[in-house]
Amino acid sequence: MARALALDVARAVTAKPAIVLGLPTGRTPIPLYRELVRLHRRGRADFSRASTFNLDEFAGLGAGDPRSYHAFMRRHL
């Protein structure tokens, strides 16, 4: 399922390079993020013009805090 969804995301980014993606955090989307990284490394997905925002964040945690969702996304995507 993660591979199929990653291919859909890659197609959307190809169709609209400046796309804005709202991305969830937690364990569930990690396989999707792995697949997106794999596609990017193989030259099949270019996210250089895309923007993302997290759907979640903890109040009071800075972006550099390893417990923040910002840090989570840096680790996984």
PDB file of N, CA and C in Angstrom:
ATOM      1  N   MET A   1       0.831  -1.185   0.000  1.00  0.00           N
ATOM      2  CA  MET A   1       0.000   0.000   0.000  1.00  0.00           C
ATOM      3  C   MET A   1       0.877   1.252   0.000  1.00  0.00           C
ATOM      4  N   ALA A   2       1.958   1.234   0.785  1.00  0.00           N
ATOM      5  CA  ALA A   2       2.848   2.395   0.858  1.00  0.00           C
ATOM      6  C   ALA A   2       3.465   2.692  -0.506  1.00  0.00           C
ATOM      7  N   ARG A   3       3.851   1.657  -1.226  1.00  0.00           N
ATOM      8  CA  ARG A   3       4.461   1.849  -2.546  1.00  0.00           C
ATOM      9  C   ARG A   3       3.451   2.467  -3.514  1.00  0.00           C
ATOM     10  N   ALA A   4       2.231   1.971  -3.514  1.00  0.00           N
ATOM     11  CA  ALA A   4       1.199   2.507  -4.411  1.00  0.00           C
ATOM     12  C   ALA A   4       0.911   3.969  -4.081  1.00  0.00           C
ATOM     13  N   LEU A   5       0.798   4.286  -2.810  1.00  0.00           N
ATOM     14  CA  LEU A   5       0.531   5.673  -2.413  1.00  0.00           C
ATOM     15  C   LEU A   5       1.719   6.568  -2.761  1.00  0.00           C
ATOM     16  N   ALA A   6       2.936   6.084  -2.559  1.00  0.00           N
ATOM     17  CA  ALA A   6       4.127   6.871  -2.900  1.00  0.00           C
ATOM     18  C   ALA A   6       4.152   7.173  -4.395  1.00  0.00           C
ATOM     19  N   LEU A   7       3.776   6.206  -5.218  1.00  0.00           N
ATOM     20  CA  LEU A   7       3.714   6.451  -6.659  1.00  0.00           C
ATOM     21  C   LEU A   7       2.659   7.502  -6.999  1.00  0.00           C
ATOM     22  N   ASP A   8       1.539   7.480  -6.300  1.00  0.00           N
ATOM     23  CA  ASP A   8       0.508   8.505  -6.500  1.00  0.00           C
ATOM     24  C   ASP A   8       1.037   9.886  -6.119  1.00  0.00           C
ATOM     25  N   VAL A   9       1.728   9.964  -4.999  1.00  0.00           N
ATOM     26  CA  VAL A   9       2.302  11.247  -4.560  1.00  0.00           C
ATOM     27  C   VAL A   9       3.336  11.717  -5.587  1.00  0.00           C
ATOM     28  N   ALA A  10       4.185  10.817  -6.056  1.00  0.00           N
ATOM     29  CA  ALA A  10       5.199  11.179  -7.046  1.00  0.00           C
ATOM     30  C   ALA A  10       4.545  11.694  -8.331  1.00  0.00           C
ATOM     31  N   ARG A  11       3.463  11.068  -8.752  1.00  0.00           N
ATOM     32  CA  ARG A  11       2.745  11.538  -9.950  1.00  0.00           C
ATOM     33  C   ARG A  11       2.171  12.934  -9.717  1.00  0.00           C
ATOM     34  N   ALA A  12       1.632  13.162  -8.531  1.00  0.00           N
ATOM     35  CA  ALA A  12       1.066  14.480  -8.216  1.00  0.00           C
ATOM     36  C   ALA A  12       2.159  15.553  -8.210  1.00  0.00           C
ATOM     37  N   VAL A  13       3.323  15.217  -7.671  1.00  0.00           N
ATOM     38  CA  VAL A  13       4.439  16.173  -7.640  1.00  0.00           C
ATOM     39  C   VAL A  13       4.951  16.438  -9.053  1.00  0.00           C
ATOM     40  N   THR A  14       4.959  15.428  -9.889  1.00  0.00           N
ATOM     41  CA  THR A  14       5.378  15.609 -11.281  1.00  0.00           C
ATOM     42  C   THR A  14       4.387  16.510 -12.023  1.00  0.00           C
ATOM     43  N   ALA A  15       3.115  16.308 -11.781  1.00  0.00           N
ATOM     44  CA  ALA A  15       2.078  17.100 -12.436  1.00  0.00           C
ATOM     45  C   ALA A  15       2.063  18.544 -11.945  1.00  0.00           C
ATOM     46  N   LYS A  16       2.379  18.736 -10.662  1.00  0.00           N
ATOM     47  CA  LYS A  16       2.351  20.073 -10.063  1.00  0.00           C
ATOM     48  C   LYS A  16       3.585  20.206  -9.157  1.00  0.00           C
ATOM     49  N   PRO A  17       4.723  20.566  -9.726  1.00  0.00           N
ATOM     50  CA  PRO A  17       5.979  20.589  -8.959  1.00  0.00           C
ATOM     51  C   PRO A  17       5.950  21.462  -7.704  1.00  0.00           C
ATOM     52  N   ALA A  18       5.161  22.536  -7.711  1.00  0.00           N
ATOM     53  CA  ALA A  18       5.096  23.427  -6.549  1.00  0.00           C
ATOM     54  C   ALA A  18       3.946  23.043  -5.614  1.00  0.00           C
ATOM     55  N   ILE A  19       3.590  21.785  -5.600  1.00  0.00           N
ATOM     56  CA  ILE A  19       2.496  21.274  -4.776  1.00  0.00           C
ATOM     57  C   ILE A  19       2.761  21.530  -3.291  1.00  0.00           C
ATOM     58  N   VAL A  20       1.701  21.661  -2.526  1.00  0.00           N
ATOM     59  CA  VAL A  20       1.792  21.780  -1.073  1.00  0.00           C
ATOM     60  C   VAL A  20       1.187  20.517  -0.483  1.00  0.00           C
ATOM     61  N   LEU A  21       1.963  19.812   0.325  1.00  0.00           N
ATOM     62  CA  LEU A  21       1.523  18.550   0.924  1.00  0.00           C
ATOM     63  C   LEU A  21       1.395  18.699   2.432  1.00  0.00           C
ATOM     64  N   GLY A  22       0.254  18.323   2.969  1.00  0.00           N
ATOM     65  CA  GLY A  22       0.074  18.222   4.417  1.00  0.00           C
ATOM     66  C   GLY A  22       0.402  16.796   4.816  1.00  0.00           C
ATOM     67  N   LEU A  23       1.392  16.626   5.679  1.00  0.00           N
ATOM     68  CA  LEU A  23       1.890  15.287   6.005  1.00  0.00           C
ATOM     69  C   LEU A  23       1.636  14.926   7.470  1.00  0.00           C
ATOM     70  N   PRO A  24       1.134  13.717   7.694  1.00  0.00           N
ATOM     71  CA  PRO A  24       0.915  13.251   9.059  1.00  0.00           C
ATOM     72  C   PRO A  24       2.203  12.711   9.676  1.00  0.00           C
ATOM     73  N   THR A  25       2.176  12.580  10.974  1.00  0.00           N
ATOM     74  CA  THR A  25       3.301  11.999  11.701  1.00  0.00           C
ATOM     75  C   THR A  25       2.831  10.732  12.392  1.00  0.00           C
ATOM     76  N   GLY A  26       3.714  10.106  13.096  1.00  0.00           N
ATOM     77  CA  GLY A  26       3.384   8.855  13.772  1.00  0.00           C
ATOM     78  C   GLY A  26       3.966   7.675  13.020  1.00  0.00           C
ATOM     79  N   ARG A  27       3.740   6.489  13.528  1.00  0.00           N
ATOM     80  CA  ARG A  27       4.326   5.287  12.912  1.00  0.00           C
ATOM     81  C   ARG A  27       3.655   4.875  11.612  1.00  0.00           C
ATOM     82  N   THR A  28       2.371   5.137  11.480  1.00  0.00           N
ATOM     83  CA  THR A  28       1.624   4.661  10.313  1.00  0.00           C
ATOM     84  C   THR A  28       2.203   5.145   8.979  1.00  0.00           C
ATOM     85  N   PRO A  29       2.562   6.433   8.811  1.00  0.00           N
ATOM     86  CA  PRO A  29       3.047   6.868   7.506  1.00  0.00           C
ATOM     87  C   PRO A  29       4.535   6.579   7.232  1.00  0.00           C
ATOM     88  N   ILE A  30       5.263   6.012   8.181  1.00  0.00           N
ATOM     89  CA  ILE A  30       6.692   5.779   7.974  1.00  0.00           C
ATOM     90  C   ILE A  30       6.967   4.927   6.730  1.00  0.00           C
ATOM     91  N   PRO A  31       6.227   3.859   6.455  1.00  0.00           N
ATOM     92  CA  PRO A  31       6.479   3.114   5.212  1.00  0.00           C
ATOM     93  C   PRO A  31       6.288   3.978   3.954  1.00  0.00           C
ATOM     94  N   LEU A  32       5.310   4.869   3.972  1.00  0.00           N
ATOM     95  CA  LEU A  32       5.126   5.788   2.857  1.00  0.00           C
ATOM     96  C   LEU A  32       6.352   6.672   2.693  1.00  0.00           C
ATOM     97  N   TYR A  33       6.856   7.217   3.776  1.00  0.00           N
ATOM     98  CA  TYR A  33       8.021   8.104   3.701  1.00  0.00           C
ATOM     99  C   TYR A  33       9.248   7.342   3.199  1.00  0.00           C
ATOM    100  N   ARG A  34       9.397   6.097   3.603  1.00  0.00           N
ATOM    101  CA  ARG A  34      10.510   5.280   3.086  1.00  0.00           C
ATOM    102  C   ARG A  34      10.412   5.126   1.569  1.00  0.00           C
ATOM    103  N   GLU A  35       9.207   4.889   1.092  1.00  0.00           N
ATOM    104  CA  GLU A  35       9.003   4.728  -0.346  1.00  0.00           C
ATOM    105  C   GLU A  35       9.245   6.040  -1.097  1.00  0.00           C
ATOM    106  N   LEU A  36       8.830   7.158  -0.522  1.00  0.00           N
ATOM    107  CA  LEU A  36       9.083   8.445  -1.159  1.00  0.00           C
ATOM    108  C   LEU A  36      10.581   8.725  -1.237  1.00  0.00           C
ATOM    109  N   VAL A  37      11.300   8.412  -0.179  1.00  0.00           N
ATOM    110  CA  VAL A  37      12.758   8.575  -0.189  1.00  0.00           C
ATOM    111  C   VAL A  37      13.366   7.680  -1.266  1.00  0.00           C
ATOM    112  N   ARG A  38      12.905   6.444  -1.353  1.00  0.00           N
ATOM    113  CA  ARG A  38      13.414   5.508  -2.367  1.00  0.00           C
ATOM    114  C   ARG A  38      13.183   6.048  -3.774  1.00  0.00           C
ATOM    115  N   LEU A  39      11.984   6.548  -4.040  1.00  0.00           N
ATOM    116  CA  LEU A  39      11.689   7.111  -5.355  1.00  0.00           C
ATOM    117  C   LEU A  39      12.570   8.318  -5.649  1.00  0.00           C
ATOM    118  N   HIS A  40      12.749   9.168  -4.657  1.00  0.00           N
ATOM    119  CA  HIS A  40      13.596  10.350  -4.840  1.00  0.00           C
ATOM    120  C   HIS A  40      15.038   9.949  -5.161  1.00  0.00           C
ATOM    121  N   ARG A  41      15.565   9.004  -4.415  1.00  0.00           N
ATOM    122  CA  ARG A  41      16.947   8.557  -4.638  1.00  0.00           C
ATOM    123  C   ARG A  41      17.133   7.925  -6.007  1.00  0.00           C
ATOM    124  N   ARG A  42      16.083   7.341  -6.541  1.00  0.00           N
ATOM    125  CA  ARG A  42      16.153   6.719  -7.878  1.00  0.00           C
ATOM    126  C   ARG A  42      15.816   7.705  -8.999  1.00  0.00           C
ATOM    127  N   GLY A  43      15.611   8.962  -8.632  1.00  0.00           N
ATOM    128  CA  GLY A  43      15.317   9.979  -9.632  1.00  0.00           C
ATOM    129  C   GLY A  43      13.906   9.954 -10.160  1.00  0.00           C
ATOM    130  N   ARG A  44      13.007   9.303  -9.442  1.00  0.00           N
ATOM    131  CA  ARG A  44      11.621   9.174  -9.902  1.00  0.00           C
ATOM    132  C   ARG A  44      10.674  10.154  -9.213  1.00  0.00           C
ATOM    133  N   ALA A  45      11.198  10.964  -8.296  1.00  0.00           N
ATOM    134  CA  ALA A  45      10.373  11.956  -7.612  1.00  0.00           C
ATOM    135  C   ALA A  45      11.262  13.142  -7.234  1.00  0.00           C
ATOM    136  N   ASP A  46      10.890  14.314  -7.716  1.00  0.00           N
ATOM    137  CA  ASP A  46      11.646  15.530  -7.430  1.00  0.00           C
ATOM    138  C   ASP A  46      10.782  16.427  -6.550  1.00  0.00           C
ATOM    139  N   PHE A  47      11.203  16.574  -5.317  1.00  0.00           N
ATOM    140  CA  PHE A  47      10.450  17.384  -4.355  1.00  0.00           C
ATOM    141  C   PHE A  47      11.054  18.770  -4.172  1.00  0.00           C
ATOM    142  N   SER A  48      11.973  19.170  -5.044  1.00  0.00           N
ATOM    143  CA  SER A  48      12.710  20.414  -4.847  1.00  0.00           C
ATOM    144  C   SER A  48      11.827  21.659  -4.861  1.00  0.00           C
ATOM    145  N   ARG A  49      10.691  21.608  -5.525  1.00  0.00           N
ATOM    146  CA  ARG A  49       9.797  22.771  -5.563  1.00  0.00           C
ATOM    147  C   ARG A  49       8.570  22.582  -4.680  1.00  0.00           C
ATOM    148  N   ALA A  50       8.412  21.411  -4.114  1.00  0.00           N
ATOM    149  CA  ALA A  50       7.247  21.125  -3.264  1.00  0.00           C
ATOM    150  C   ALA A  50       7.426  21.738  -1.882  1.00  0.00           C
ATOM    151  N   SER A  51       6.319  22.024  -1.238  1.00  0.00           N
ATOM    152  CA  SER A  51       6.304  22.495   0.149  1.00  0.00           C
ATOM    153  C   SER A  51       5.502  21.508   0.975  1.00  0.00           C
ATOM    154  N   THR A  52       5.882  21.373   2.220  1.00  0.00           N
ATOM    155  CA  THR A  52       5.137  20.491   3.115  1.00  0.00           C
ATOM    156  C   THR A  52       4.844  21.210   4.426  1.00  0.00           C
ATOM    157  N   PHE A  53       3.828  20.749   5.096  1.00  0.00           N
ATOM    158  CA  PHE A  53       3.577  21.181   6.459  1.00  0.00           C
ATOM    159  C   PHE A  53       3.115  19.970   7.249  1.00  0.00           C
ATOM    160  N   ASN A  54       3.420  19.976   8.529  1.00  0.00           N
ATOM    161  CA  ASN A  54       3.007  18.886   9.414  1.00  0.00           C
ATOM    162  C   ASN A  54       1.567  19.111   9.848  1.00  0.00           C
ATOM    163  N   LEU A  55       0.808  18.037   9.878  1.00  0.00           N
ATOM    164  CA  LEU A  55      -0.563  18.127  10.360  1.00  0.00           C
ATOM    165  C   LEU A  55      -0.613  18.180  11.878  1.00  0.00           C
ATOM    166  N   ASP A  56       0.499  17.831  12.512  1.00  0.00           N
ATOM    167  CA  ASP A  56       0.565  17.779  13.974  1.00  0.00           C
ATOM    168  C   ASP A  56       1.821  18.505  14.450  1.00  0.00           C
ATOM    169  N   GLU A  57       1.795  18.953  15.683  1.00  0.00           N
ATOM    170  CA  GLU A  57       2.991  19.448  16.356  1.00  0.00           C
ATOM    171  C   GLU A  57       2.652  19.610  17.828  1.00  0.00           C
ATOM    172  N   PHE A  58       3.651  19.456  18.660  1.00  0.00           N
ATOM    173  CA  PHE A  58       3.485  19.666  20.092  1.00  0.00           C
ATOM    174  C   PHE A  58       3.733  21.130  20.408  1.00  0.00           C
ATOM    175  N   ALA A  59       2.832  21.754  21.155  1.00  0.00           N
ATOM    176  CA  ALA A  59       3.020  23.140  21.570  1.00  0.00           C
ATOM    177  C   ALA A  59       4.202  23.211  22.536  1.00  0.00           C
ATOM    178  N   GLY A  60       5.020  24.214  22.337  1.00  0.00           N
ATOM    179  CA  GLY A  60       6.118  24.456  23.262  1.00  0.00           C
ATOM    180  C   GLY A  60       7.420  23.750  22.921  1.00  0.00           C
ATOM    181  N   LEU A  61       7.435  22.873  21.927  1.00  0.00           N
ATOM    182  CA  LEU A  61       8.668  22.211  21.513  1.00  0.00           C
ATOM    183  C   LEU A  61       9.239  22.926  20.301  1.00  0.00           C
ATOM    184  N   GLY A  62      10.507  23.276  20.379  1.00  0.00           N
ATOM    185  CA  GLY A  62      11.167  23.909  19.248  1.00  0.00           C
ATOM    186  C   GLY A  62      11.464  22.893  18.159  1.00  0.00           C
ATOM    187  N   ALA A  63      11.723  23.385  16.950  1.00  0.00           N
ATOM    188  CA  ALA A  63      12.001  22.514  15.811  1.00  0.00           C
ATOM    189  C   ALA A  63      13.214  21.629  16.061  1.00  0.00           C
ATOM    190  N   GLY A  64      14.168  22.098  16.838  1.00  0.00           N
ATOM    191  CA  GLY A  64      15.374  21.322  17.104  1.00  0.00           C
ATOM    192  C   GLY A  64      15.214  20.276  18.194  1.00  0.00           C
ATOM    193  N   ASP A  65      14.112  20.300  18.896  1.00  0.00           N
ATOM    194  CA  ASP A  65      13.881  19.320  19.958  1.00  0.00           C
ATOM    195  C   ASP A  65      13.657  17.952  19.316  1.00  0.00           C
ATOM    196  N   PRO A  66      14.406  16.930  19.714  1.00  0.00           N
ATOM    197  CA  PRO A  66      14.260  15.611  19.081  1.00  0.00           C
ATOM    198  C   PRO A  66      12.881  14.978  19.271  1.00  0.00           C
ATOM    199  N   ARG A  67      12.087  15.493  20.203  1.00  0.00           N
ATOM    200  CA  ARG A  67      10.732  14.975  20.412  1.00  0.00           C
ATOM    201  C   ARG A  67       9.700  15.653  19.523  1.00  0.00           C
ATOM    202  N   SER A  68      10.094  16.726  18.821  1.00  0.00           N
ATOM    203  CA  SER A  68       9.133  17.465  17.991  1.00  0.00           C
ATOM    204  C   SER A  68       8.805  16.687  16.725  1.00  0.00           C
ATOM    205  N   TYR A  69       7.666  17.012  16.149  1.00  0.00           N
ATOM    206  CA  TYR A  69       7.302  16.390  14.887  1.00  0.00           C
ATOM    207  C   TYR A  69       8.147  16.934  13.746  1.00  0.00           C
ATOM    208  N   HIS A  70       8.661  18.141  13.896  1.00  0.00           N
ATOM    209  CA  HIS A  70       9.606  18.662  12.906  1.00  0.00           C
ATOM    210  C   HIS A  70      10.824  17.735  12.839  1.00  0.00           C
ATOM    211  N   ALA A  71      11.354  17.382  13.992  1.00  0.00           N
ATOM    212  CA  ALA A  71      12.500  16.466  14.043  1.00  0.00           C
ATOM    213  C   ALA A  71      12.117  15.083  13.511  1.00  0.00           C
ATOM    214  N   PHE A  72      10.921  14.626  13.814  1.00  0.00           N
ATOM    215  CA  PHE A  72      10.426  13.347  13.308  1.00  0.00           C
ATOM    216  C   PHE A  72      10.476  13.321  11.775  1.00  0.00           C
ATOM    217  N   MET A  73       9.979  14.393  11.161  1.00  0.00           N
ATOM    218  CA  MET A  73       9.951  14.455   9.699  1.00  0.00           C
ATOM    219  C   MET A  73      11.372  14.527   9.130  1.00  0.00           C
ATOM    220  N   ARG A  74      12.250  15.219   9.794  1.00  0.00           N
ATOM    221  CA  ARG A  74      13.657  15.272   9.330  1.00  0.00           C
ATOM    222  C   ARG A  74      14.289  13.884   9.359  1.00  0.00           C
ATOM    223  N   ARG A  75      13.928  13.095  10.371  1.00  0.00           N
ATOM    224  CA  ARG A  75      14.475  11.737  10.477  1.00  0.00           C
ATOM    225  C   ARG A  75      13.914  10.804   9.403  1.00  0.00           C
ATOM    226  N   HIS A  76      12.631  10.929   9.125  1.00  0.00           N
ATOM    227  CA  HIS A  76      11.962   9.937   8.280  1.00  0.00           C
ATOM    228  C   HIS A  76      11.757  10.368   6.830  1.00  0.00           C
ATOM    229  N   LEU A  77      11.839  11.666   6.574  1.00  0.00           N
ATOM    230  CA  LEU A  77      11.612  12.124   5.202  1.00  0.00           C
ATOM    231  C   LEU A  77      12.685  13.098   4.793  1.00  0.00           C
TER     232      LEU A  77
END
